[in-house]
């Protein structure tokens, strides 16, 4: 089978490998869609922000947002059969620790990440534990299924934890793919959505995804403008998706007193002012990262019930043979959300 490898230093190889065989408790999936994520750029450059030692070796097949069809099940697998449409849960846990038993395998101290520690979906086939195969509703395409987990799932779990609803104003900083998912979810939950970004084309997309107002932080002071749009108070909930320190600080500054902020965009270091930004505002600040596996059934029903236009988040589609161009374009921000497809 064909598979992508990222040796580092911005090199991409499409190689021939043996099709894997599912072991006990595992499932072989024929890939139909696999998305590129900004976190994959760490593998591309050789400095991964996710995963253990294997992630930096360049031999692991990337792709932590895949969907496809079950083609073979390993010994002991029940409840799955060839032909089943599935998407994959990226966190592979030990299944024994308190976090795994609570449905949060991404918090497992021995967890492994699909596409970073073990081979992922940027290949014609991939193997995952059966427990990581999530049923893909017929109403959702494979591409929508690939984006449903990491992007939409992260936003749904995060916004649900912050009680986003029709009484809330939600501001989203960073209207890349994750920010777009935040706007989609927030609007479906009934919130008034305010989108903030430096780029007009991303703000235009935010409008199509349901944003009620947009703020270009390259030309306007985002904190001032968000207060103007909320009667001087600031948004009830702010979700920061860029990972850029200035945006993270603006998110804290703009949130209203007794409001909430979620940091979703990955960053290695940010300097904040806790006294003014958190303590004296009684602000609630959380990290937003992925979703409990037990929430998936509700998440998929939510996506179907609200007919979420998830594929609107996709800017480019590529064949697997074009992986070098796909990663190069993504690295140079010539694409937003790029997806390998087989249809």
C-alpha atoms as a PDB file:
ATOM      1  CA  UNK A   1       0.000   0.000   0.000  1.00  0.00           C
ATOM      2  CA  UNK A   2       1.001   3.654  -0.372  1.00  0.00           C
ATOM      3  CA  UNK A   3       1.773   5.607   2.792  1.00  0.00           C
ATOM      4  CA  UNK A   4       3.206   8.991   3.748  1.00  0.00           C
ATOM      5  CA  UNK A   5       6.339   9.403   5.847  1.00  0.00           C
ATOM      6  CA  UNK A   6       7.732  12.646   7.262  1.00  0.00           C
ATOM      7  CA  UNK A   7      11.476  12.259   7.970  1.00  0.00           C
ATOM      8  CA  UNK A   8      11.693  15.884   9.149  1.00  0.00           C
ATOM      9  CA  UNK A   9      13.305  18.988   7.672  1.00  0.00           C
ATOM     10  CA  UNK A  10      10.163  19.497   5.513  1.00  0.00           C
ATOM     11  CA  UNK A  11      10.708  16.313   3.518  1.00  0.00           C
ATOM     12  CA  UNK A  12       7.716  14.215   2.460  1.00  0.00           C
ATOM     13  CA  UNK A  13       7.912  10.688   1.088  1.00  0.00           C
ATOM     14  CA  UNK A  14       5.168   8.563  -0.415  1.00  0.00           C
ATOM     15  CA  UNK A  15       6.409   5.009   0.073  1.00  0.00           C
ATOM     16  CA  UNK A  16       5.227   1.462  -0.539  1.00  0.00           C
ATOM     17  CA  UNK A  17       4.602  -0.548   2.622  1.00  0.00           C
ATOM     18  CA  UNK A  18       2.976  -3.857   3.402  1.00  0.00           C
ATOM     19  CA  UNK A  19      -0.710  -3.566   4.200  1.00  0.00           C
ATOM     20  CA  UNK A  20      -0.935  -4.016   7.986  1.00  0.00           C
ATOM     21  CA  UNK A  21      -2.791  -6.909   9.597  1.00  0.00           C
ATOM     22  CA  UNK A  22      -5.071  -6.328  12.571  1.00  0.00           C
ATOM     23  CA  UNK A  23      -3.987  -8.044  15.749  1.00  0.00           C
ATOM     24  CA  UNK A  24      -6.252  -9.217  18.579  1.00  0.00           C
ATOM     25  CA  UNK A  25      -8.709  -6.479  19.440  1.00  0.00           C
ATOM     26  CA  UNK A  26      -7.753  -4.423  16.368  1.00  0.00           C
ATOM     27  CA  UNK A  27      -9.449  -3.398  13.127  1.00  0.00           C
ATOM     28  CA  UNK A  28      -8.079  -2.770   9.634  1.00  0.00           C
ATOM     29  CA  UNK A  29      -9.664   0.242   7.935  1.00  0.00           C
ATOM     30  CA  UNK A  30      -9.475   1.252   4.287  1.00  0.00           C
ATOM     31  CA  UNK A  31      -8.900   5.008   4.369  1.00  0.00           C
ATOM     32  CA  UNK A  32     -11.384   7.192   2.517  1.00  0.00           C
ATOM     33  CA  UNK A  33     -10.411  10.595   3.966  1.00  0.00           C
ATOM     34  CA  UNK A  34      -7.541  11.823   6.147  1.00  0.00           C
ATOM     35  CA  UNK A  35      -7.033  15.450   7.138  1.00  0.00           C
ATOM     36  CA  UNK A  36      -3.846  17.460   7.626  1.00  0.00           C
ATOM     37  CA  UNK A  37      -3.740  19.336  10.934  1.00  0.00           C
ATOM     38  CA  UNK A  38      -1.528  22.204  12.029  1.00  0.00           C
ATOM     39  CA  UNK A  39      -0.017  19.925  14.684  1.00  0.00           C
ATOM     40  CA  UNK A  40       1.273  17.717  11.823  1.00  0.00           C
ATOM     41  CA  UNK A  41       3.693  20.521  10.975  1.00  0.00           C
ATOM     42  CA  UNK A  42       5.796  19.471  13.945  1.00  0.00           C
ATOM     43  CA  UNK A  43       6.313  16.100  12.258  1.00  0.00           C
ATOM     44  CA  UNK A  44       6.958  17.875   8.962  1.00  0.00           C
ATOM     45  CA  UNK A  45       9.730  20.019  10.452  1.00  0.00           C
ATOM     46  CA  UNK A  46      11.049  17.351  12.830  1.00  0.00           C
ATOM     47  CA  UNK A  47       9.989  19.089  16.070  1.00  0.00           C
ATOM     48  CA  UNK A  48       6.682  17.473  17.053  1.00  0.00           C
ATOM     49  CA  UNK A  49       4.615  19.073  19.815  1.00  0.00           C
ATOM     50  CA  UNK A  50       2.522  15.894  20.248  1.00  0.00           C
ATOM     51  CA  UNK A  51       3.592  12.314  20.845  1.00  0.00           C
ATOM     52  CA  UNK A  52       6.543  10.482  22.349  1.00  0.00           C
ATOM     53  CA  UNK A  53       9.931   9.428  21.017  1.00  0.00           C
ATOM     54  CA  UNK A  54       8.471   7.589  18.027  1.00  0.00           C
ATOM     55  CA  UNK A  55       6.929  10.812  16.740  1.00  0.00           C
ATOM     56  CA  UNK A  56      10.337  12.287  16.012  1.00  0.00           C
ATOM     57  CA  UNK A  57      11.723   9.274  14.165  1.00  0.00           C
ATOM     58  CA  UNK A  58      10.166   9.965  10.776  1.00  0.00           C
ATOM     59  CA  UNK A  59       8.905   6.404  10.287  1.00  0.00           C
ATOM     60  CA  UNK A  60       5.394   6.732  11.726  1.00  0.00           C
ATOM     61  CA  UNK A  61       2.652   7.342   9.162  1.00  0.00           C
ATOM     62  CA  UNK A  62       0.941  10.654  10.049  1.00  0.00           C
ATOM     63  CA  UNK A  63      -2.785  11.290   9.989  1.00  0.00           C
ATOM     64  CA  UNK A  64      -4.759  11.555  13.230  1.00  0.00           C
ATOM     65  CA  UNK A  65      -8.053  12.576  11.558  1.00  0.00           C
ATOM     66  CA  UNK A  66      -9.004   9.642   9.290  1.00  0.00           C
ATOM     67  CA  UNK A  67     -12.256   7.972   8.293  1.00  0.00           C
ATOM     68  CA  UNK A  68     -12.968   4.947   6.154  1.00  0.00           C
ATOM     69  CA  UNK A  69     -14.426   1.453   5.840  1.00  0.00           C
ATOM     70  CA  UNK A  70     -13.679  -1.555   8.009  1.00  0.00           C
ATOM     71  CA  UNK A  71     -12.185  -4.308   5.854  1.00  0.00           C
ATOM     72  CA  UNK A  72     -10.972  -6.841   8.447  1.00  0.00           C
ATOM     73  CA  UNK A  73     -11.337  -7.392  12.188  1.00  0.00           C
ATOM     74  CA  UNK A  74      -8.861  -9.078  14.480  1.00  0.00           C
ATOM     75  CA  UNK A  75      -9.395 -11.892  16.958  1.00  0.00           C
ATOM     76  CA  UNK A  76     -11.887 -11.115  19.701  1.00  0.00           C
ATOM     77  CA  UNK A  77     -13.450  -8.100  17.989  1.00  0.00           C
ATOM     78  CA  UNK A  78     -17.227  -7.913  18.234  1.00  0.00           C
ATOM     79  CA  UNK A  79     -19.678  -5.253  17.136  1.00  0.00           C
ATOM     80  CA  UNK A  80     -17.713  -4.332  13.999  1.00  0.00           C
ATOM     81  CA  UNK A  81     -17.765  -5.986  10.576  1.00  0.00           C
ATOM     82  CA  UNK A  82     -16.322  -5.420   7.105  1.00  0.00           C
ATOM     83  CA  UNK A  83     -18.169  -2.610   5.366  1.00  0.00           C
ATOM     84  CA  UNK A  84     -18.855  -0.570   8.489  1.00  0.00           C
ATOM     85  CA  UNK A  85     -18.203   3.151   8.015  1.00  0.00           C
ATOM     86  CA  UNK A  86     -16.059   4.522  10.835  1.00  0.00           C
ATOM     87  CA  UNK A  87     -14.014   7.455  11.977  1.00  0.00           C
ATOM     88  CA  UNK A  88     -11.092   7.033  14.360  1.00  0.00           C
ATOM     89  CA  UNK A  89     -10.589   8.315  17.903  1.00  0.00           C
ATOM     90  CA  UNK A  90      -6.971   9.473  18.041  1.00  0.00           C
ATOM     91  CA  UNK A  91      -6.117   8.671  21.678  1.00  0.00           C
ATOM     92  CA  UNK A  92      -5.099   5.078  22.365  1.00  0.00           C
ATOM     93  CA  UNK A  93      -5.105   4.495  26.121  1.00  0.00           C
ATOM     94  CA  UNK A  94      -4.146   1.679  28.453  1.00  0.00           C
ATOM     95  CA  UNK A  95      -7.854   1.059  29.272  1.00  0.00           C
ATOM     96  CA  UNK A  96      -6.963   0.486  32.936  1.00  0.00           C
ATOM     97  CA  UNK A  97      -6.050   3.841  34.485  1.00  0.00           C
ATOM     98  CA  UNK A  98      -8.573   6.221  36.077  1.00  0.00           C
ATOM     99  CA  UNK A  99      -8.583   8.487  33.009  1.00  0.00           C
ATOM    100  CA  UNK A 100      -9.260   5.702  30.540  1.00  0.00           C
ATOM    101  CA  UNK A 101     -12.003   4.329  32.749  1.00  0.00           C
ATOM    102  CA  UNK A 102     -13.531   7.813  32.850  1.00  0.00           C
ATOM    103  CA  UNK A 103     -13.554   7.923  29.043  1.00  0.00           C
ATOM    104  CA  UNK A 104     -10.611  10.336  28.747  1.00  0.00           C
ATOM    105  CA  UNK A 105      -7.830   8.208  27.189  1.00  0.00           C
ATOM    106  CA  UNK A 106      -6.006  11.342  25.940  1.00  0.00           C
ATOM    107  CA  UNK A 107      -5.148  11.954  29.613  1.00  0.00           C
ATOM    108  CA  UNK A 108      -3.776   8.426  30.121  1.00  0.00           C
ATOM    109  CA  UNK A 109      -0.155   8.578  31.316  1.00  0.00           C
ATOM    110  CA  UNK A 110       0.700   5.793  28.836  1.00  0.00           C
ATOM    111  CA  UNK A 111      -1.437   7.028  25.950  1.00  0.00           C
ATOM    112  CA  UNK A 112      -0.346   6.866  22.342  1.00  0.00           C
ATOM    113  CA  UNK A 113      -1.535   9.184  19.593  1.00  0.00           C
ATOM    114  CA  UNK A 114      -2.672   7.926  16.219  1.00  0.00           C
ATOM    115  CA  UNK A 115      -0.476   9.456  13.523  1.00  0.00           C
ATOM    116  CA  UNK A 116       2.255  10.444  15.982  1.00  0.00           C
ATOM    117  CA  UNK A 117       3.140   7.379  18.063  1.00  0.00           C
ATOM    118  CA  UNK A 118       1.469   4.739  15.878  1.00  0.00           C
ATOM    119  CA  UNK A 119       0.710   4.704  12.156  1.00  0.00           C
ATOM    120  CA  UNK A 120      -2.185   6.927  11.182  1.00  0.00           C
ATOM    121  CA  UNK A 121      -4.470   7.548   8.255  1.00  0.00           C
ATOM    122  CA  UNK A 122      -2.217   9.115   5.619  1.00  0.00           C
ATOM    123  CA  UNK A 123      -2.084   5.732   3.924  1.00  0.00           C
ATOM    124  CA  UNK A 124      -4.382   3.473   1.954  1.00  0.00           C
ATOM    125  CA  UNK A 125      -5.069   1.418   5.096  1.00  0.00           C
ATOM    126  CA  UNK A 126      -4.581   1.873   8.844  1.00  0.00           C
ATOM    127  CA  UNK A 127      -5.027  -0.269  11.947  1.00  0.00           C
ATOM    128  CA  UNK A 128      -6.573   0.901  15.207  1.00  0.00           C
ATOM    129  CA  UNK A 129      -7.940  -0.770  18.327  1.00  0.00           C
ATOM    130  CA  UNK A 130     -11.586  -1.683  17.851  1.00  0.00           C
ATOM    131  CA  UNK A 131     -12.530   0.574  20.768  1.00  0.00           C
ATOM    132  CA  UNK A 132     -11.179   3.534  18.769  1.00  0.00           C
ATOM    133  CA  UNK A 133     -13.506   2.898  15.816  1.00  0.00           C
ATOM    134  CA  UNK A 134     -16.489   5.240  16.029  1.00  0.00           C
ATOM    135  CA  UNK A 135     -19.565   4.644  13.818  1.00  0.00           C
ATOM    136  CA  UNK A 136     -19.954   7.204  11.051  1.00  0.00           C
ATOM    137  CA  UNK A 137     -23.616   8.081  10.386  1.00  0.00           C
ATOM    138  CA  UNK A 138     -24.809   7.609   6.827  1.00  0.00           C
ATOM    139  CA  UNK A 139     -25.742  11.301   6.704  1.00  0.00           C
ATOM    140  CA  UNK A 140     -22.080  12.319   7.063  1.00  0.00           C
ATOM    141  CA  UNK A 141     -19.458  11.968   4.331  1.00  0.00           C
ATOM    142  CA  UNK A 142     -16.071  10.431   4.997  1.00  0.00           C
ATOM    143  CA  UNK A 143     -14.526  13.902   4.837  1.00  0.00           C
ATOM    144  CA  UNK A 144     -17.005  15.209   7.398  1.00  0.00           C
ATOM    145  CA  UNK A 145     -16.264  12.172   9.531  1.00  0.00           C
ATOM    146  CA  UNK A 146     -12.532  12.858   9.435  1.00  0.00           C
ATOM    147  CA  UNK A 147     -13.137  16.418  10.670  1.00  0.00           C
ATOM    148  CA  UNK A 148     -15.810  15.436  13.180  1.00  0.00           C
ATOM    149  CA  UNK A 149     -13.429  14.158  15.826  1.00  0.00           C
ATOM    150  CA  UNK A 150     -10.426  16.441  16.348  1.00  0.00           C
ATOM    151  CA  UNK A 151     -11.997  19.711  15.175  1.00  0.00           C
ATOM    152  CA  UNK A 152     -15.742  19.572  15.720  1.00  0.00           C
ATOM    153  CA  UNK A 153     -15.407  17.197  18.672  1.00  0.00           C
ATOM    154  CA  UNK A 154     -12.927  19.443  20.464  1.00  0.00           C
ATOM    155  CA  UNK A 155     -15.190  22.447  19.991  1.00  0.00           C
ATOM    156  CA  UNK A 156     -18.367  20.648  20.995  1.00  0.00           C
ATOM    157  CA  UNK A 157     -16.853  19.299  24.213  1.00  0.00           C
ATOM    158  CA  UNK A 158     -15.203  22.618  25.063  1.00  0.00           C
ATOM    159  CA  UNK A 159     -18.237  24.792  24.414  1.00  0.00           C
ATOM    160  CA  UNK A 160     -20.540  22.364  26.183  1.00  0.00           C
ATOM    161  CA  UNK A 161     -18.310  22.545  29.267  1.00  0.00           C
ATOM    162  CA  UNK A 162     -18.630  26.357  29.182  1.00  0.00           C
ATOM    163  CA  UNK A 163     -22.424  26.216  28.782  1.00  0.00           C
ATOM    164  CA  UNK A 164     -22.503  28.000  25.427  1.00  0.00           C
ATOM    165  CA  UNK A 165     -26.147  28.498  24.442  1.00  0.00           C
ATOM    166  CA  UNK A 166     -28.604  30.996  23.006  1.00  0.00           C
ATOM    167  CA  UNK A 167     -28.117  33.393  25.918  1.00  0.00           C
ATOM    168  CA  UNK A 168     -24.370  33.694  25.362  1.00  0.00           C
ATOM    169  CA  UNK A 169     -22.102  35.755  23.162  1.00  0.00           C
ATOM    170  CA  UNK A 170     -19.169  33.694  21.917  1.00  0.00           C
ATOM    171  CA  UNK A 171     -16.017  35.293  20.534  1.00  0.00           C
ATOM    172  CA  UNK A 172     -13.607  33.129  18.539  1.00  0.00           C
ATOM    173  CA  UNK A 173      -9.988  34.214  18.017  1.00  0.00           C
ATOM    174  CA  UNK A 174      -8.222  32.630  15.042  1.00  0.00           C
ATOM    175  CA  UNK A 175     -10.511  31.671  12.171  1.00  0.00           C
ATOM    176  CA  UNK A 176      -8.412  28.860  10.771  1.00  0.00           C
ATOM    177  CA  UNK A 177      -9.984  25.392  10.571  1.00  0.00           C
ATOM    178  CA  UNK A 178     -10.358  25.008  14.356  1.00  0.00           C
ATOM    179  CA  UNK A 179     -11.819  28.500  14.660  1.00  0.00           C
ATOM    180  CA  UNK A 180     -14.191  27.713  11.832  1.00  0.00           C
ATOM    181  CA  UNK A 181     -15.344  24.632  13.718  1.00  0.00           C
ATOM    182  CA  UNK A 182     -15.821  26.823  16.800  1.00  0.00           C
ATOM    183  CA  UNK A 183     -18.087  29.149  14.828  1.00  0.00           C
ATOM    184  CA  UNK A 184     -20.083  26.232  13.400  1.00  0.00           C
ATOM    185  CA  UNK A 185     -20.633  24.655  16.802  1.00  0.00           C
ATOM    186  CA  UNK A 186     -21.321  27.928  18.613  1.00  0.00           C
ATOM    187  CA  UNK A 187     -23.934  28.949  16.069  1.00  0.00           C
ATOM    188  CA  UNK A 188     -25.627  25.547  16.210  1.00  0.00           C
ATOM    189  CA  UNK A 189     -25.758  25.873  20.023  1.00  0.00           C
ATOM    190  CA  UNK A 190     -27.596  29.167  19.541  1.00  0.00           C
ATOM    191  CA  UNK A 191     -24.924  31.660  20.577  1.00  0.00           C
ATOM    192  CA  UNK A 192     -24.214  35.045  19.026  1.00  0.00           C
ATOM    193  CA  UNK A 193     -20.834  34.433  17.359  1.00  0.00           C
ATOM    194  CA  UNK A 194     -18.126  37.087  16.938  1.00  0.00           C
ATOM    195  CA  UNK A 195     -15.125  36.070  14.810  1.00  0.00           C
ATOM    196  CA  UNK A 196     -11.650  37.622  15.125  1.00  0.00           C
ATOM    197  CA  UNK A 197      -8.771  37.172  12.688  1.00  0.00           C
ATOM    198  CA  UNK A 198      -6.034  39.064  10.847  1.00  0.00           C
ATOM    199  CA  UNK A 199      -7.142  37.933   7.376  1.00  0.00           C
ATOM    200  CA  UNK A 200     -10.190  39.154   5.495  1.00  0.00           C
ATOM    201  CA  UNK A 201     -10.657  35.901   3.578  1.00  0.00           C
ATOM    202  CA  UNK A 202     -10.900  33.930   6.810  1.00  0.00           C
ATOM    203  CA  UNK A 203     -13.389  36.447   8.178  1.00  0.00           C
ATOM    204  CA  UNK A 204     -15.442  36.100   5.001  1.00  0.00           C
ATOM    205  CA  UNK A 205     -15.540  32.333   5.555  1.00  0.00           C
ATOM    206  CA  UNK A 206     -16.561  32.952   9.174  1.00  0.00           C
ATOM    207  CA  UNK A 207     -19.571  34.856   7.861  1.00  0.00           C
ATOM    208  CA  UNK A 208     -20.619  31.888   5.733  1.00  0.00           C
ATOM    209  CA  UNK A 209     -20.246  29.611   8.771  1.00  0.00           C
ATOM    210  CA  UNK A 210     -22.670  31.736  10.783  1.00  0.00           C
ATOM    211  CA  UNK A 211     -20.640  34.470  12.480  1.00  0.00           C
ATOM    212  CA  UNK A 212     -22.890  37.414  13.380  1.00  0.00           C
ATOM    213  CA  UNK A 213     -20.025  39.946  13.308  1.00  0.00           C
ATOM    214  CA  UNK A 214     -16.339  39.875  12.404  1.00  0.00           C
ATOM    215  CA  UNK A 215     -13.330  41.812  13.684  1.00  0.00           C
ATOM    216  CA  UNK A 216     -10.105  42.266  11.720  1.00  0.00           C
ATOM    217  CA  UNK A 217      -7.464  42.511  14.438  1.00  0.00           C
ATOM    218  CA  UNK A 218      -4.900  43.758  11.898  1.00  0.00           C
ATOM    219  CA  UNK A 219      -6.789  47.023  11.533  1.00  0.00           C
ATOM    220  CA  UNK A 220      -8.888  47.223  14.715  1.00  0.00           C
ATOM    221  CA  UNK A 221      -8.154  46.760  18.406  1.00  0.00           C
ATOM    222  CA  UNK A 222      -9.960  43.455  18.947  1.00  0.00           C
ATOM    223  CA  UNK A 223     -10.507  44.015  22.670  1.00  0.00           C
ATOM    224  CA  UNK A 224     -12.071  47.436  22.123  1.00  0.00           C
ATOM    225  CA  UNK A 225     -14.183  46.252  19.218  1.00  0.00           C
ATOM    226  CA  UNK A 226     -15.486  43.188  21.074  1.00  0.00           C
ATOM    227  CA  UNK A 227     -16.552  45.391  23.983  1.00  0.00           C
ATOM    228  CA  UNK A 228     -18.336  47.713  21.561  1.00  0.00           C
ATOM    229  CA  UNK A 229     -20.194  44.739  20.100  1.00  0.00           C
ATOM    230  CA  UNK A 230     -21.283  43.537  23.557  1.00  0.00           C
ATOM    231  CA  UNK A 231     -22.533  46.747  25.176  1.00  0.00           C
ATOM    232  CA  UNK A 232     -19.233  47.445  26.874  1.00  0.00           C
ATOM    233  CA  UNK A 233     -19.116  44.182  28.831  1.00  0.00           C
ATOM    234  CA  UNK A 234     -17.126  41.829  26.618  1.00  0.00           C
ATOM    235  CA  UNK A 235     -18.116  38.367  25.363  1.00  0.00           C
ATOM    236  CA  UNK A 236     -19.487  35.790  27.790  1.00  0.00           C
ATOM    237  CA  UNK A 237     -17.234  33.079  26.363  1.00  0.00           C
ATOM    238  CA  UNK A 238     -14.019  33.423  24.354  1.00  0.00           C
ATOM    239  CA  UNK A 239     -12.415  30.505  22.521  1.00  0.00           C
ATOM    240  CA  UNK A 240      -8.823  31.122  21.414  1.00  0.00           C
ATOM    241  CA  UNK A 241      -7.824  28.904  18.485  1.00  0.00           C
ATOM    242  CA  UNK A 242      -4.673  30.494  17.050  1.00  0.00           C
ATOM    243  CA  UNK A 243      -2.155  29.711  19.782  1.00  0.00           C
ATOM    244  CA  UNK A 244      -0.557  33.130  19.183  1.00  0.00           C
ATOM    245  CA  UNK A 245       0.432  34.887  22.443  1.00  0.00           C
ATOM    246  CA  UNK A 246      -1.069  38.266  21.414  1.00  0.00           C
ATOM    247  CA  UNK A 247      -4.394  36.589  20.652  1.00  0.00           C
ATOM    248  CA  UNK A 248      -4.276  34.605  23.881  1.00  0.00           C
ATOM    249  CA  UNK A 249      -3.808  37.817  25.841  1.00  0.00           C
ATOM    250  CA  UNK A 250      -6.531  39.579  23.872  1.00  0.00           C
ATOM    251  CA  UNK A 251      -8.877  36.692  24.645  1.00  0.00           C
ATOM    252  CA  UNK A 252      -8.256  37.121  28.370  1.00  0.00           C
ATOM    253  CA  UNK A 253      -8.551  40.904  28.153  1.00  0.00           C
ATOM    254  CA  UNK A 254     -11.781  40.906  26.174  1.00  0.00           C
ATOM    255  CA  UNK A 255     -13.791  38.369  28.194  1.00  0.00           C
ATOM    256  CA  UNK A 256     -16.361  39.907  30.476  1.00  0.00           C
ATOM    257  CA  UNK A 257     -16.165  39.698  34.273  1.00  0.00           C
ATOM    258  CA  UNK A 258     -17.366  36.272  35.423  1.00  0.00           C
ATOM    259  CA  UNK A 259     -16.838  35.089  31.846  1.00  0.00           C
ATOM    260  CA  UNK A 260     -14.963  32.110  30.476  1.00  0.00           C
ATOM    261  CA  UNK A 261     -11.988  31.586  28.169  1.00  0.00           C
ATOM    262  CA  UNK A 262     -10.851  28.364  26.514  1.00  0.00           C
ATOM    263  CA  UNK A 263      -7.350  27.972  25.106  1.00  0.00           C
ATOM    264  CA  UNK A 264      -7.518  25.530  22.184  1.00  0.00           C
ATOM    265  CA  UNK A 265      -4.668  26.686  19.932  1.00  0.00           C
ATOM    266  CA  UNK A 266      -1.380  24.975  20.796  1.00  0.00           C
ATOM    267  CA  UNK A 267       1.546  27.115  21.988  1.00  0.00           C
ATOM    268  CA  UNK A 268       4.686  26.423  23.957  1.00  0.00           C
ATOM    269  CA  UNK A 269       4.815  29.577  26.075  1.00  0.00           C
ATOM    270  CA  UNK A 270       2.740  32.698  26.775  1.00  0.00           C
ATOM    271  CA  UNK A 271       3.162  35.481  29.331  1.00  0.00           C
ATOM    272  CA  UNK A 272      -0.038  36.716  30.976  1.00  0.00           C
ATOM    273  CA  UNK A 273      -1.060  39.058  33.802  1.00  0.00           C
ATOM    274  CA  UNK A 274      -3.083  36.875  36.192  1.00  0.00           C
ATOM    275  CA  UNK A 275      -4.108  39.680  38.559  1.00  0.00           C
ATOM    276  CA  UNK A 276      -5.785  41.882  35.971  1.00  0.00           C
ATOM    277  CA  UNK A 277      -6.767  39.233  33.452  1.00  0.00           C
ATOM    278  CA  UNK A 278      -8.000  36.452  35.732  1.00  0.00           C
ATOM    279  CA  UNK A 279      -8.192  37.114  39.444  1.00  0.00           C
ATOM    280  CA  UNK A 280      -9.992  40.458  39.534  1.00  0.00           C
ATOM    281  CA  UNK A 281     -12.398  39.380  36.812  1.00  0.00           C
ATOM    282  CA  UNK A 282     -13.199  36.027  38.454  1.00  0.00           C
ATOM    283  CA  UNK A 283     -12.534  34.563  35.038  1.00  0.00           C
ATOM    284  CA  UNK A 284     -12.816  30.858  34.330  1.00  0.00           C
ATOM    285  CA  UNK A 285     -10.011  29.628  32.058  1.00  0.00           C
ATOM    286  CA  UNK A 286      -9.889  26.094  30.670  1.00  0.00           C
ATOM    287  CA  UNK A 287      -7.875  24.081  28.204  1.00  0.00           C
ATOM    288  CA  UNK A 288      -9.864  22.717  25.287  1.00  0.00           C
ATOM    289  CA  UNK A 289      -8.391  19.524  23.896  1.00  0.00           C
ATOM    290  CA  UNK A 290     -10.297  16.724  22.189  1.00  0.00           C
ATOM    291  CA  UNK A 291     -13.392  15.112  23.719  1.00  0.00           C
ATOM    292  CA  UNK A 292     -14.352  12.219  26.002  1.00  0.00           C
ATOM    293  CA  UNK A 293     -14.936   9.135  23.893  1.00  0.00           C
ATOM    294  CA  UNK A 294     -18.320   8.589  25.526  1.00  0.00           C
ATOM    295  CA  UNK A 295     -19.495  11.920  24.105  1.00  0.00           C
ATOM    296  CA  UNK A 296     -19.197  10.729  20.506  1.00  0.00           C
ATOM    297  CA  UNK A 297     -22.743   9.417  20.105  1.00  0.00           C
ATOM    298  CA  UNK A 298     -24.143  12.767  21.239  1.00  0.00           C
ATOM    299  CA  UNK A 299     -21.627  14.622  19.067  1.00  0.00           C
ATOM    300  CA  UNK A 300     -22.535  12.704  15.913  1.00  0.00           C
ATOM    301  CA  UNK A 301     -26.257  13.169  16.575  1.00  0.00           C
ATOM    302  CA  UNK A 302     -25.640  16.896  17.054  1.00  0.00           C
ATOM    303  CA  UNK A 303     -23.830  17.118  13.712  1.00  0.00           C
ATOM    304  CA  UNK A 304     -26.631  15.291  11.898  1.00  0.00           C
ATOM    305  CA  UNK A 305     -29.514  17.070  13.656  1.00  0.00           C
ATOM    306  CA  UNK A 306     -28.117  20.507  12.880  1.00  0.00           C
ATOM    307  CA  UNK A 307     -26.905  19.503   9.411  1.00  0.00           C
ATOM    308  CA  UNK A 308     -23.531  21.046  10.240  1.00  0.00           C
ATOM    309  CA  UNK A 309     -21.838  22.070   6.960  1.00  0.00           C
ATOM    310  CA  UNK A 310     -18.559  20.510   8.085  1.00  0.00           C
ATOM    311  CA  UNK A 311     -17.157  20.199   4.575  1.00  0.00           C
ATOM    312  CA  UNK A 312     -17.267  24.012   4.284  1.00  0.00           C
ATOM    313  CA  UNK A 313     -14.174  23.935   6.520  1.00  0.00           C
ATOM    314  CA  UNK A 314     -12.182  22.120   3.802  1.00  0.00           C
ATOM    315  CA  UNK A 315     -10.227  24.427   1.516  1.00  0.00           C
ATOM    316  CA  UNK A 316      -8.317  21.833  -0.555  1.00  0.00           C
ATOM    317  CA  UNK A 317      -8.444  18.131  -1.373  1.00  0.00           C
ATOM    318  CA  UNK A 318      -5.415  16.104  -2.490  1.00  0.00           C
ATOM    319  CA  UNK A 319      -4.619  12.612  -3.700  1.00  0.00           C
ATOM    320  CA  UNK A 320      -2.120  10.757  -1.522  1.00  0.00           C
ATOM    321  CA  UNK A 321       0.468  10.832  -4.328  1.00  0.00           C
ATOM    322  CA  UNK A 322       0.403  14.623  -4.039  1.00  0.00           C
ATOM    323  CA  UNK A 323       1.388  14.584  -0.354  1.00  0.00           C
ATOM    324  CA  UNK A 324       4.632  16.582  -0.899  1.00  0.00           C
ATOM    325  CA  UNK A 325       2.655  19.414  -2.499  1.00  0.00           C
ATOM    326  CA  UNK A 326      -0.115  19.139   0.116  1.00  0.00           C
ATOM    327  CA  UNK A 327       2.253  19.533   3.060  1.00  0.00           C
ATOM    328  CA  UNK A 328       4.257  22.261   1.334  1.00  0.00           C
ATOM    329  CA  UNK A 329       1.114  24.274   0.602  1.00  0.00           C
ATOM    330  CA  UNK A 330      -0.184  23.754   4.136  1.00  0.00           C
ATOM    331  CA  UNK A 331       3.166  24.822   5.597  1.00  0.00           C
ATOM    332  CA  UNK A 332       3.130  28.020   3.522  1.00  0.00           C
ATOM    333  CA  UNK A 333      -0.513  28.649   4.505  1.00  0.00           C
ATOM    334  CA  UNK A 334      -1.647  28.393   0.902  1.00  0.00           C
ATOM    335  CA  UNK A 335      -4.371  26.087   2.202  1.00  0.00           C
ATOM    336  CA  UNK A 336      -6.433  26.083   5.360  1.00  0.00           C
ATOM    337  CA  UNK A 337      -7.923  22.653   5.976  1.00  0.00           C
ATOM    338  CA  UNK A 338      -6.496  20.128   3.505  1.00  0.00           C
ATOM    339  CA  UNK A 339      -7.756  16.566   3.232  1.00  0.00           C
ATOM    340  CA  UNK A 340      -6.463  13.483   1.412  1.00  0.00           C
ATOM    341  CA  UNK A 341      -9.385  11.755  -0.279  1.00  0.00           C
ATOM    342  CA  UNK A 342      -9.859   8.568  -2.269  1.00  0.00           C
ATOM    343  CA  UNK A 343     -13.222   9.374  -3.881  1.00  0.00           C
END
